[in-house]
Every structure is written in structure tokens, then in C-alpha cells.
Protein backbone atom coordinates (compact mmCIF):
# COMPACT_ATOMS: atom_id res chain seq x y z
CA UNK A 1 14.51 27.40 5.64
CA UNK A 2 10.43 27.39 4.71
CA UNK A 3 8.66 23.96 5.88
CA UNK A 4 4.71 23.38 5.81
CA UNK A 5 2.39 24.96 8.43
CA UNK A 6 0.43 21.71 8.57
CA UNK A 7 2.88 18.83 9.18
CA UNK A 8 1.02 18.11 12.59
CA UNK A 9 2.93 17.00 15.87
CA UNK A 10 4.19 13.64 14.59
CA UNK A 11 5.99 13.66 11.42
CA UNK A 12 7.81 10.88 9.30
CA UNK A 13 10.96 11.93 7.64
CA UNK A 14 11.85 9.96 4.66
CA UNK A 15 15.45 10.75 3.11
CA UNK A 16 16.39 9.20 -0.25
CA UNK A 17 18.13 9.78 -3.46
CA UNK A 18 14.64 9.51 -4.97
CA UNK A 19 15.84 8.99 -8.46
CA UNK A 20 13.22 8.56 -9.65
CA UNK A 21 10.62 8.30 -6.61
CA UNK A 22 8.77 5.19 -7.50
CA UNK A 23 5.64 3.24 -5.88
CA UNK A 24 7.70 1.58 -3.23
CA UNK A 25 8.37 4.65 -1.88
CA UNK A 26 4.93 5.44 -1.76
CA UNK A 27 3.48 2.30 -0.17
CA UNK A 28 6.49 2.67 2.78
CA UNK A 29 4.98 5.90 3.60
CA UNK A 30 1.53 4.83 3.93
CA UNK A 31 2.80 1.44 6.18
CA UNK A 32 4.16 3.76 8.51
CA UNK A 33 1.79 6.45 8.46
CA UNK A 34 -1.14 4.24 9.99
CA UNK A 35 0.06 2.39 12.62
CA UNK A 36 2.23 5.32 14.08
CA UNK A 37 -0.39 7.81 13.59
CA UNK A 38 1.77 10.03 11.97
CA UNK A 39 0.32 13.31 11.16
CA UNK A 40 2.11 13.50 7.97
CA UNK A 41 5.17 12.29 6.23
CA UNK A 42 7.97 14.75 5.10
CA UNK A 43 10.16 13.14 1.71
CA UNK A 44 13.77 14.58 2.21
CA UNK A 45 16.13 14.64 -1.23
CA UNK A 46 19.54 14.33 -0.59
CA UNK A 47 21.36 17.24 -2.58
CA UNK A 48 24.25 15.03 -2.32
CA UNK A 49 24.40 11.63 -0.76
CA UNK A 50 27.09 10.52 1.44
CA UNK A 51 27.35 7.08 0.13
CA UNK A 52 27.73 8.24 -3.14
CA UNK A 53 26.05 5.97 -6.05
CA UNK A 54 27.99 4.69 -8.82
CA UNK A 55 26.18 6.48 -11.51
CA UNK A 56 25.85 10.14 -12.30
CA UNK A 57 22.90 11.74 -9.98
CA UNK A 58 20.15 13.54 -11.63
CA UNK A 59 19.94 17.34 -10.95
CA UNK A 60 18.56 17.94 -7.41
CA UNK A 61 15.49 20.10 -9.05
CA UNK A 62 14.43 16.96 -11.28
CA UNK A 63 14.59 14.55 -8.28
CA UNK A 64 12.62 17.24 -6.31
CA UNK A 65 9.92 18.27 -9.09
CA UNK A 66 9.16 14.14 -9.36
CA UNK A 67 8.75 13.92 -6.14
CA UNK A 68 6.09 16.86 -5.86
CA UNK A 69 4.54 14.97 -8.95
CA UNK A 70 4.42 11.85 -7.00
CA UNK A 71 2.77 13.07 -3.90
CA UNK A 72 0.19 15.60 -5.55
CA UNK A 73 -2.64 12.84 -4.62
CA UNK A 74 -1.29 12.46 -1.18
CA UNK A 75 -2.45 15.08 1.26
CA UNK A 76 -0.65 13.98 3.89
CA UNK A 77 2.64 14.09 2.02
CA UNK A 78 5.21 16.92 1.82
CA UNK A 79 8.97 17.80 0.23
CA UNK A 80 11.40 19.51 1.79
CA UNK A 81 14.34 20.89 -0.12
CA UNK A 82 16.26 21.69 2.71
CA UNK A 83 19.49 19.43 1.84
CA UNK A 84 20.04 21.86 -1.36
CA UNK A 85 20.34 24.67 1.12
CA UNK A 86 23.54 23.27 2.73
CA UNK A 87 27.10 22.66 1.55
CA UNK A 88 28.72 19.61 1.26
CA UNK A 89 27.02 16.17 1.46
CA UNK A 90 23.79 15.39 3.12
CA UNK A 91 24.16 13.54 6.20
CA UNK A 92 21.11 12.59 8.42
CA UNK A 93 22.62 13.90 11.18
CA UNK A 94 22.47 17.58 10.34
CA UNK A 95 18.98 16.92 8.54
CA UNK A 96 17.28 16.08 12.27
CA UNK A 97 19.04 18.38 13.63
CA UNK A 98 17.83 21.48 11.23
CA UNK A 99 14.11 20.26 11.60
CA UNK A 100 14.42 19.89 15.50
CA UNK A 101 15.52 23.99 15.01
CA UNK A 102 13.05 24.52 12.91
CA UNK A 103 9.83 22.97 14.20
CA UNK A 104 10.68 22.53 17.78
CA UNK A 105 10.43 20.40 20.84
CA UNK A 106 6.84 19.51 20.42
CA UNK A 107 7.00 17.76 17.21
CA UNK A 108 7.79 14.53 16.98
CA UNK A 109 9.87 12.88 14.69
CA UNK A 110 9.98 9.76 13.29
CA UNK A 111 12.71 8.78 10.49
CA UNK A 112 11.92 6.12 8.42
CA UNK A 113 14.67 3.72 7.61
CA UNK A 114 14.89 0.20 5.45
CA UNK A 115 16.34 -2.76 7.18
CA UNK A 116 19.33 -2.85 5.29
CA UNK A 117 20.11 0.62 5.89
CA UNK A 118 19.46 0.25 10.02
CA UNK A 119 22.07 -2.69 9.46
CA UNK A 120 24.47 -0.17 8.19
CA UNK A 121 23.50 2.68 11.03
CA UNK A 122 27.24 1.81 12.64
CA UNK A 123 28.80 3.27 9.77
CA UNK A 124 26.33 6.99 9.49
CA UNK A 125 27.96 10.11 10.95
CA UNK A 126 26.71 10.51 14.85
CA UNK A 127 24.90 7.35 14.53
CA UNK A 128 23.95 7.47 18.22
CA UNK A 129 23.06 11.01 18.28
CA UNK A 130 20.16 10.81 15.88
CA UNK A 131 18.19 9.56 18.38
CA UNK A 132 18.39 12.73 20.27
CA UNK A 133 16.12 14.07 17.93
CA UNK A 134 14.44 11.36 16.36
CA UNK A 135 12.49 7.79 16.87
CA UNK A 136 13.74 5.30 14.27
CA UNK A 137 10.84 3.54 12.14
CA UNK A 138 12.82 0.58 10.75
CA UNK A 139 10.97 -1.11 7.74
CA UNK A 140 11.44 -4.90 7.30
CA UNK A 141 10.31 -8.16 6.09
CA UNK A 142 7.57 -9.72 7.96
CA UNK A 143 9.14 -13.14 8.32
CA UNK A 144 12.10 -11.56 10.33
CA UNK A 145 11.55 -7.37 10.81
CA UNK A 146 11.56 -7.03 14.84
CA UNK A 147 14.71 -10.17 15.12
CA UNK A 148 16.88 -8.49 12.26
CA UNK A 149 16.25 -4.97 14.17
CA UNK A 150 16.67 -6.17 17.37
CA UNK A 151 20.18 -7.93 16.38
CA UNK A 152 21.23 -4.34 15.11
CA UNK A 153 19.89 -2.56 18.47
CA UNK A 154 21.63 -4.14 20.83
CA UNK A 155 25.10 -3.72 18.76
CA UNK A 156 24.72 0.01 18.36
CA UNK A 157 22.10 1.26 21.30
CA UNK A 158 23.21 0.02 24.71
CA UNK A 159 20.64 0.63 26.95
CA UNK A 160 17.67 0.18 24.92
CA UNK A 161 14.94 -2.46 26.16
CA UNK A 162 12.19 -3.77 24.11
CA UNK A 163 8.80 -2.66 25.64
CA UNK A 164 6.00 -5.44 24.42
CA UNK A 165 3.23 -2.85 25.37
CA UNK A 166 4.62 -0.38 22.88
CA UNK A 167 6.12 -2.45 20.74
CA UNK A 168 9.49 -0.79 20.30
CA UNK A 169 12.56 -0.36 21.80
CA UNK A 170 13.00 2.64 24.51
CA UNK A 171 16.33 4.04 26.06
CA UNK A 172 16.83 7.03 28.00
CA UNK A 173 14.04 9.23 28.75
CA UNK A 174 14.46 12.15 26.12
CA UNK A 175 15.70 9.53 23.77
CA UNK A 176 13.83 8.62 20.83
CA UNK A 177 12.36 5.08 20.34
CA UNK A 178 13.12 2.20 17.51
CA UNK A 179 9.93 0.83 16.08
CA UNK A 180 9.75 -1.81 13.72
CA UNK A 181 7.58 -1.89 10.99
CA UNK A 182 6.69 -5.30 9.18
CA UNK A 183 6.02 -4.54 5.42
CA UNK A 184 5.50 -7.13 2.58
CA UNK A 185 8.57 -5.17 -0.18
CA UNK A 186 7.42 -3.60 -3.06
CA UNK A 187 9.26 -5.41 -5.67
CA UNK A 188 10.77 -2.43 -7.45
CA UNK A 189 14.00 0.12 -7.18
CA UNK A 190 14.93 3.04 -8.96
CA UNK A 191 18.00 1.16 -10.28
CA UNK A 192 15.65 -1.02 -12.70
CA UNK A 193 13.11 1.68 -13.51
CA UNK A 194 16.39 4.07 -15.04
CA UNK A 195 17.76 0.67 -16.88
CA UNK A 196 14.34 -0.10 -18.18
CA UNK A 197 13.71 3.51 -19.36
CA UNK A 198 17.49 3.51 -21.14
CA UNK A 199 16.15 0.30 -22.69
CA UNK A 200 13.09 1.77 -23.55
CA UNK A 201 10.64 -0.08 -22.02
CA UNK A 202 7.45 1.15 -20.04
CA UNK A 203 7.55 1.92 -16.29
CA UNK A 204 3.86 2.89 -15.82
CA UNK A 205 3.36 0.08 -13.55
CA UNK A 206 6.26 1.31 -11.69
CA UNK A 207 5.90 5.05 -10.80
CA UNK A 208 3.20 7.34 -10.79
CA UNK A 209 1.98 8.22 -14.13
CA UNK A 210 2.94 11.97 -13.91
CA UNK A 211 6.41 10.87 -13.08
CA UNK A 212 6.86 8.79 -15.96
CA UNK A 213 5.74 11.70 -18.13
CA UNK A 214 8.14 14.16 -16.51
CA UNK A 215 11.03 11.57 -17.38
CA UNK A 216 9.74 10.86 -21.01
CA UNK A 217 9.19 14.88 -21.08
CA UNK A 218 12.84 15.98 -19.59
CA UNK A 219 14.63 12.89 -21.47
CA UNK A 220 16.28 11.54 -18.23
CA UNK A 221 18.06 8.36 -17.77
CA UNK A 222 18.56 8.04 -21.62
């Protein structure tokens, strides 16, 4: 598996279906990069999402290509196609293990996840092992980010205690921390973008221009 050589030592991992990538995804990357002093953000499109959507997913090549276009003006962002190199569902634990083996122990991984997904962490494969490979960065609304995150931490990660000075939950030595990051949500979703394209409505205010042009040129979501 090939990865960029200039990822640095504090790497954010942002996974998803990205069908298509939109401005909200880019906003999340920027919202976590600065407060956690991340050297880079690695976007990891899922080849086969474990929680299969109810619609036909676009080809991986299209979704990855749109990501390449979306981050072209973001020098700290990169795209990894590692999940296309494995057979079967794209489980996060497998991706983190692969990244850890490839990047080595000196690189600190930060797995970025929304509050809604974090609340369902108990349904994920080997969920408690995830923190052996990376810290969590949980994105939530400013009015209840820490409270909601704390409830999920208490229910799923015994032994984790909130450290006020560090602003995160910490467990045993060698395990990743859990960082809550409050962010005003960007009101856009891939679902509504696909529906807008199907209806012939403009999407230029929701995706980068290059992505909108790609969708038009390849006839996606028609």
C-alpha cells in the first residue's frame, strides 16, 4: 500500500462513503486539524461500507476521483485508496491496523467520527480495540458535544476519565484518547445532493466546483 511521504506525525483519518464528497466533509477536516495540531488529514473512502446503504453506491473509482478533486486546494489533505485493496467489507479496525503497520509507531493517528456514529460504536467490529491504534476525535454540536460524548464513553469504554487540562478522555497508557470537538454543523448531506442532481437542481453551493463538474461530466446520480 502506498501512502504520501509527507503525512507528518499527527494524522487525522476521515473515512466514509463520500458519495459524493461535499463541503461539510471539508469543513470537518478543517475544524479538527487546527485545534488538535494535526499535520495532515487522510480521507479514506470505503470500498464496501459494512452498514450497506439502501441505494446503489457509485463505483469506488468515481468516489475517490471526486475526493482527489475536492482536496486539490487543501495541501494538508490526502486521499488513500487502501480499502479498495482488500476484499470484503471496509471495517475501520482493519483500516487502522493497516495504517499502523504501514506508518509505524511514531505516527499518532486520530480517527475522526461524528457524534451520531460514535453513539453506535457498540455495533462496530472490535470497537474497543480501535483505541489501541488511534485516538478518537468526536464531532458534535456546540450545545451538547461534551455531554453526549461523555455518555457514550461511559457506556462503552470503562476506565476512561476526562482530563480537564487536556480536554479529552484518557484511559490506560498506550491507548488513544477521546477528544470532543464542537462544531456548528454544515447543513448538507450526500443524500440531498444525489436527490438534487436527480431532479436537475444546482449543487454548486454544496460541493466544490470541480466535483460538481465531475458529476455532470460522468452523469452520476441521474
